């Protein structure tokens, strides 16, 4: 079974390093799976960086 890959994008691509045709997978529902290799992608919220939230 393929491990889950965590991403922050709504759409990812998969080609299994050229082993199958390039496909795009919509993750707007939170997760998706490649129809060719079975790789699972899970959308996560980006981690916030404390330096990005400096006091004004």
PDB file of N, CA and C in Angstrom:
ATOM      1  N   UNK A   1       0.854  -1.193   0.000  1.00  0.00           N
ATOM      2  CA  UNK A   1       0.000   0.000   0.000  1.00  0.00           C
ATOM      3  C   UNK A   1       0.890   1.243   0.000  1.00  0.00           C
ATOM      4  N   UNK A   2       0.530   2.207  -0.808  1.00  0.00           N
ATOM      5  CA  UNK A   2       1.315   3.442  -0.926  1.00  0.00           C
ATOM      6  C   UNK A   2       1.108   4.318   0.304  1.00  0.00           C
ATOM      7  N   UNK A   3       2.168   5.006   0.702  1.00  0.00           N
ATOM      8  CA  UNK A   3       2.049   5.926   1.832  1.00  0.00           C
ATOM      9  C   UNK A   3       1.341   7.193   1.376  1.00  0.00           C
ATOM     10  N   UNK A   4       0.829   7.938   2.328  1.00  0.00           N
ATOM     11  CA  UNK A   4       0.163   9.201   2.011  1.00  0.00           C
ATOM     12  C   UNK A   4       1.195  10.303   1.858  1.00  0.00           C
ATOM     13  N   UNK A   5       1.013  11.131   0.851  1.00  0.00           N
ATOM     14  CA  UNK A   5       1.853  12.306   0.658  1.00  0.00           C
ATOM     15  C   UNK A   5       1.029  13.518   1.059  1.00  0.00           C
ATOM     16  N   UNK A   6       1.534  14.300   2.002  1.00  0.00           N
ATOM     17  CA  UNK A   6       0.831  15.490   2.469  1.00  0.00           C
ATOM     18  C   UNK A   6       1.264  16.684   1.639  1.00  0.00           C
ATOM     19  N   UNK A   7       0.278  17.428   1.119  1.00  0.00           N
ATOM     20  CA  UNK A   7       0.533  18.588   0.274  1.00  0.00           C
ATOM     21  C   UNK A   7      -0.382  19.730   0.701  1.00  0.00           C
ATOM     22  N   UNK A   8      -0.041  20.957   0.282  1.00  0.00           N
ATOM     23  CA  UNK A   8      -0.878  22.111   0.610  1.00  0.00           C
ATOM     24  C   UNK A   8      -1.667  22.600  -0.596  1.00  0.00           C
ATOM     25  N   UNK A   9      -1.449  22.018  -1.758  1.00  0.00           N
ATOM     26  CA  UNK A   9      -2.129  22.442  -2.979  1.00  0.00           C
ATOM     27  C   UNK A   9      -3.498  21.778  -3.112  1.00  0.00           C
ATOM     28  N   UNK A  10      -4.377  22.388  -3.914  1.00  0.00           N
ATOM     29  CA  UNK A  10      -5.689  21.805  -4.204  1.00  0.00           C
ATOM     30  C   UNK A  10      -5.621  20.804  -5.352  1.00  0.00           C
ATOM     31  N   UNK A  11      -4.583  20.906  -6.189  1.00  0.00           N
ATOM     32  CA  UNK A  11      -4.418  20.004  -7.331  1.00  0.00           C
ATOM     33  C   UNK A  11      -2.961  19.568  -7.379  1.00  0.00           C
ATOM     34  N   UNK A  12      -2.730  18.266  -7.535  1.00  0.00           N
ATOM     35  CA  UNK A  12      -1.375  17.726  -7.652  1.00  0.00           C
ATOM     36  C   UNK A  12      -1.271  16.913  -8.935  1.00  0.00           C
ATOM     37  N   UNK A  13      -0.040  16.648  -9.361  1.00  0.00           N
ATOM     38  CA  UNK A  13       0.175  15.796 -10.526  1.00  0.00           C
ATOM     39  C   UNK A  13       0.941  14.555 -10.096  1.00  0.00           C
ATOM     40  N   UNK A  14       0.750  13.474 -10.854  1.00  0.00           N
ATOM     41  CA  UNK A  14       1.440  12.221 -10.564  1.00  0.00           C
ATOM     42  C   UNK A  14       1.788  11.545 -11.883  1.00  0.00           C
ATOM     43  N   UNK A  15       3.014  11.063 -11.992  1.00  0.00           N
ATOM     44  CA  UNK A  15       3.418  10.249 -13.142  1.00  0.00           C
ATOM     45  C   UNK A  15       4.263   9.071 -12.681  1.00  0.00           C
ATOM     46  N   UNK A  16       4.410   8.918 -11.356  1.00  0.00           N
ATOM     47  CA  UNK A  16       5.234   7.853 -10.782  1.00  0.00           C
ATOM     48  C   UNK A  16       6.604   7.809 -11.447  1.00  0.00           C
ATOM     49  N   UNK A  17       7.222   8.996 -11.526  1.00  0.00           N
ATOM     50  CA  UNK A  17       8.551   9.146 -12.145  1.00  0.00           C
ATOM     51  C   UNK A  17       8.584   8.627 -13.576  1.00  0.00           C
ATOM     52  N   UNK A  18       7.527   8.911 -14.332  1.00  0.00           N
ATOM     53  CA  UNK A  18       7.483   8.527 -15.742  1.00  0.00           C
ATOM     54  C   UNK A  18       6.994   7.108 -15.993  1.00  0.00           C
ATOM     55  N   UNK A  19       6.535   6.427 -14.962  1.00  0.00           N
ATOM     56  CA  UNK A  19       6.088   5.043 -15.113  1.00  0.00           C
ATOM     57  C   UNK A  19       4.664   4.931 -15.655  1.00  0.00           C
ATOM     58  N   UNK A  20       3.905   6.025 -15.624  1.00  0.00           N
ATOM     59  CA  UNK A  20       2.557   6.032 -16.196  1.00  0.00           C
ATOM     60  C   UNK A  20       2.274   7.433 -16.717  1.00  0.00           C
ATOM     61  N   UNK A  21       1.194   7.617 -17.485  1.00  0.00           N
ATOM     62  CA  UNK A  21       0.882   8.958 -18.005  1.00  0.00           C
ATOM     63  C   UNK A  21       0.690   9.971 -16.878  1.00  0.00           C
ATOM     64  N   UNK A  22       1.043  11.214 -17.147  1.00  0.00           N
ATOM     65  CA  UNK A  22       0.869  12.298 -16.185  1.00  0.00           C
ATOM     66  C   UNK A  22      -0.617  12.549 -15.961  1.00  0.00           C
ATOM     67  N   UNK A  23      -1.037  12.547 -14.720  1.00  0.00           N
ATOM     68  CA  UNK A  23      -2.423  12.837 -14.372  1.00  0.00           C
ATOM     69  C   UNK A  23      -2.446  13.928 -13.304  1.00  0.00           C
ATOM     70  N   UNK A  24      -3.530  14.678 -13.278  1.00  0.00           N
ATOM     71  CA  UNK A  24      -3.746  15.707 -12.260  1.00  0.00           C
ATOM     72  C   UNK A  24      -4.867  15.230 -11.352  1.00  0.00           C
ATOM     73  N   UNK A  25      -4.668  15.414 -10.053  1.00  0.00           N
ATOM     74  CA  UNK A  25      -5.609  14.911  -9.060  1.00  0.00           C
ATOM     75  C   UNK A  25      -6.129  16.080  -8.235  1.00  0.00           C
ATOM     76  N   UNK A  26      -7.455  16.241  -8.201  1.00  0.00           N
ATOM     77  CA  UNK A  26      -8.104  17.302  -7.457  1.00  0.00           C
ATOM     78  C   UNK A  26      -8.226  16.885  -5.992  1.00  0.00           C
ATOM     79  N   UNK A  27      -7.728  17.730  -5.099  1.00  0.00           N
ATOM     80  CA  UNK A  27      -7.762  17.423  -3.671  1.00  0.00           C
ATOM     81  C   UNK A  27      -8.689  18.348  -2.898  1.00  0.00           C
ATOM     82  N   UNK A  28      -9.612  18.995  -3.574  1.00  0.00           N
ATOM     83  CA  UNK A  28     -10.495  19.934  -2.886  1.00  0.00           C
ATOM     84  C   UNK A  28     -11.342  19.236  -1.827  1.00  0.00           C
ATOM     85  N   UNK A  29     -11.561  17.930  -1.949  1.00  0.00           N
ATOM     86  CA  UNK A  29     -12.310  17.193  -0.926  1.00  0.00           C
ATOM     87  C   UNK A  29     -11.410  16.779   0.232  1.00  0.00           C
ATOM     88  N   UNK A  30     -10.098  17.033   0.108  1.00  0.00           N
ATOM     89  CA  UNK A  30      -9.177  16.724   1.198  1.00  0.00           C
ATOM     90  C   UNK A  30      -8.196  15.606   0.885  1.00  0.00           C
ATOM     91  N   UNK A  31      -8.557  14.720  -0.020  1.00  0.00           N
ATOM     92  CA  UNK A  31      -7.651  13.639  -0.387  1.00  0.00           C
ATOM     93  C   UNK A  31      -7.993  13.113  -1.770  1.00  0.00           C
ATOM     94  N   UNK A  32      -7.034  12.440  -2.382  1.00  0.00           N
ATOM     95  CA  UNK A  32      -7.240  11.854  -3.692  1.00  0.00           C
ATOM     96  C   UNK A  32      -6.224  10.753  -3.928  1.00  0.00           C
ATOM     97  N   UNK A  33      -6.495   9.909  -4.923  1.00  0.00           N
ATOM     98  CA  UNK A  33      -5.625   8.774  -5.203  1.00  0.00           C
ATOM     99  C   UNK A  33      -5.381   8.674  -6.698  1.00  0.00           C
ATOM    100  N   UNK A  34      -4.141   8.376  -7.080  1.00  0.00           N
ATOM    101  CA  UNK A  34      -3.795   8.208  -8.487  1.00  0.00           C
ATOM    102  C   UNK A  34      -4.453   6.944  -9.019  1.00  0.00           C
ATOM    103  N   UNK A  35      -5.111   7.068 -10.157  1.00  0.00           N
ATOM    104  CA  UNK A  35      -5.807   5.920 -10.744  1.00  0.00           C
ATOM    105  C   UNK A  35      -4.850   4.885 -11.333  1.00  0.00           C
ATOM    106  N   UNK A  36      -3.602   5.267 -11.562  1.00  0.00           N
ATOM    107  CA  UNK A  36      -2.630   4.339 -12.143  1.00  0.00           C
ATOM    108  C   UNK A  36      -1.797   3.605 -11.094  1.00  0.00           C
ATOM    109  N   UNK A  37      -1.170   4.356 -10.180  1.00  0.00           N
ATOM    110  CA  UNK A  37      -0.235   3.724  -9.237  1.00  0.00           C
ATOM    111  C   UNK A  37      -0.794   3.594  -7.829  1.00  0.00           C
ATOM    112  N   UNK A  38      -1.928   4.245  -7.549  1.00  0.00           N
ATOM    113  CA  UNK A  38      -2.542   4.122  -6.236  1.00  0.00           C
ATOM    114  C   UNK A  38      -1.989   5.055  -5.177  1.00  0.00           C
ATOM    115  N   UNK A  39      -1.048   5.928  -5.563  1.00  0.00           N
ATOM    116  CA  UNK A  39      -0.485   6.873  -4.591  1.00  0.00           C
ATOM    117  C   UNK A  39      -1.590   7.747  -4.032  1.00  0.00           C
ATOM    118  N   UNK A  40      -1.594   7.933  -2.705  1.00  0.00           N
ATOM    119  CA  UNK A  40      -2.614   8.732  -2.030  1.00  0.00           C
ATOM    120  C   UNK A  40      -2.017  10.084  -1.666  1.00  0.00           C
ATOM    121  N   UNK A  41      -2.769  11.154  -1.959  1.00  0.00           N
ATOM    122  CA  UNK A  41      -2.371  12.516  -1.629  1.00  0.00           C
ATOM    123  C   UNK A  41      -3.395  13.080  -0.668  1.00  0.00           C
ATOM    124  N   UNK A  42      -2.916  13.783   0.375  1.00  0.00           N
ATOM    125  CA  UNK A  42      -3.788  14.374   1.388  1.00  0.00           C
ATOM    126  C   UNK A  42      -3.461  15.854   1.486  1.00  0.00           C
ATOM    127  N   UNK A  43      -4.491  16.693   1.359  1.00  0.00           N
ATOM    128  CA  UNK A  43      -4.288  18.138   1.473  1.00  0.00           C
ATOM    129  C   UNK A  43      -4.301  18.528   2.936  1.00  0.00           C
ATOM    130  N   UNK A  44      -3.293  19.304   3.349  1.00  0.00           N
ATOM    131  CA  UNK A  44      -3.189  19.806   4.717  1.00  0.00           C
ATOM    132  C   UNK A  44      -3.061  21.321   4.665  1.00  0.00           C
ATOM    133  N   UNK A  45      -3.384  21.958   5.763  1.00  0.00           N
ATOM    134  CA  UNK A  45      -3.238  23.408   5.853  1.00  0.00           C
ATOM    135  C   UNK A  45      -1.751  23.737   5.970  1.00  0.00           C
ATOM    136  N   UNK A  46      -1.313  24.818   5.308  1.00  0.00           N
ATOM    137  CA  UNK A  46       0.093  25.207   5.431  1.00  0.00           C
ATOM    138  C   UNK A  46       0.421  25.567   6.872  1.00  0.00           C
ATOM    139  N   UNK A  47       1.615  25.211   7.301  1.00  0.00           N
ATOM    140  CA  UNK A  47       2.054  25.564   8.650  1.00  0.00           C
ATOM    141  C   UNK A  47       2.353  27.047   8.687  1.00  0.00           C
ATOM    142  N   UNK A  48       1.889  27.708   9.732  1.00  0.00           N
ATOM    143  CA  UNK A  48       2.167  29.141   9.841  1.00  0.00           C
ATOM    144  C   UNK A  48       3.554  29.336  10.433  1.00  0.00           C
ATOM    145  N   UNK A  49       4.218  30.357   9.955  1.00  0.00           N
ATOM    146  CA  UNK A  49       5.563  30.675  10.413  1.00  0.00           C
ATOM    147  C   UNK A  49       5.459  31.859  11.371  1.00  0.00           C
ATOM    148  N   UNK A  50       5.925  31.725  12.616  1.00  0.00           N
ATOM    149  CA  UNK A  50       5.816  32.833  13.578  1.00  0.00           C
ATOM    150  C   UNK A  50       6.446  34.127  13.079  1.00  0.00           C
ATOM    151  N   UNK A  51       7.470  34.033  12.237  1.00  0.00           N
ATOM    152  CA  UNK A  51       8.115  35.233  11.707  1.00  0.00           C
ATOM    153  C   UNK A  51       7.180  35.992  10.764  1.00  0.00           C
ATOM    154  N   UNK A  52       6.199  35.274  10.166  1.00  0.00           N
ATOM    155  CA  UNK A  52       5.245  35.922   9.264  1.00  0.00           C
ATOM    156  C   UNK A  52       4.194  36.722  10.021  1.00  0.00           C
ATOM    157  N   UNK A  53       4.103  36.525  11.340  1.00  0.00           N
ATOM    158  CA  UNK A  53       3.080  37.178  12.143  1.00  0.00           C
ATOM    159  C   UNK A  53       3.699  38.178  13.111  1.00  0.00           C
ATOM    160  N   UNK A  54       4.586  39.011  12.598  1.00  0.00           N
ATOM    161  CA  UNK A  54       5.242  40.002  13.445  1.00  0.00           C
ATOM    162  C   UNK A  54       4.248  41.093  13.838  1.00  0.00           C
ATOM    163  N   UNK A  55       4.414  41.615  15.027  1.00  0.00           N
ATOM    164  CA  UNK A  55       3.539  42.691  15.509  1.00  0.00           C
ATOM    165  C   UNK A  55       3.781  43.953  14.684  1.00  0.00           C
ATOM    166  N   UNK A  56       2.679  44.646  14.387  1.00  0.00           N
ATOM    167  CA  UNK A  56       2.791  45.867  13.578  1.00  0.00           C
ATOM    168  C   UNK A  56       3.120  47.064  14.432  1.00  0.00           C
TER     169      UNK A  56
END
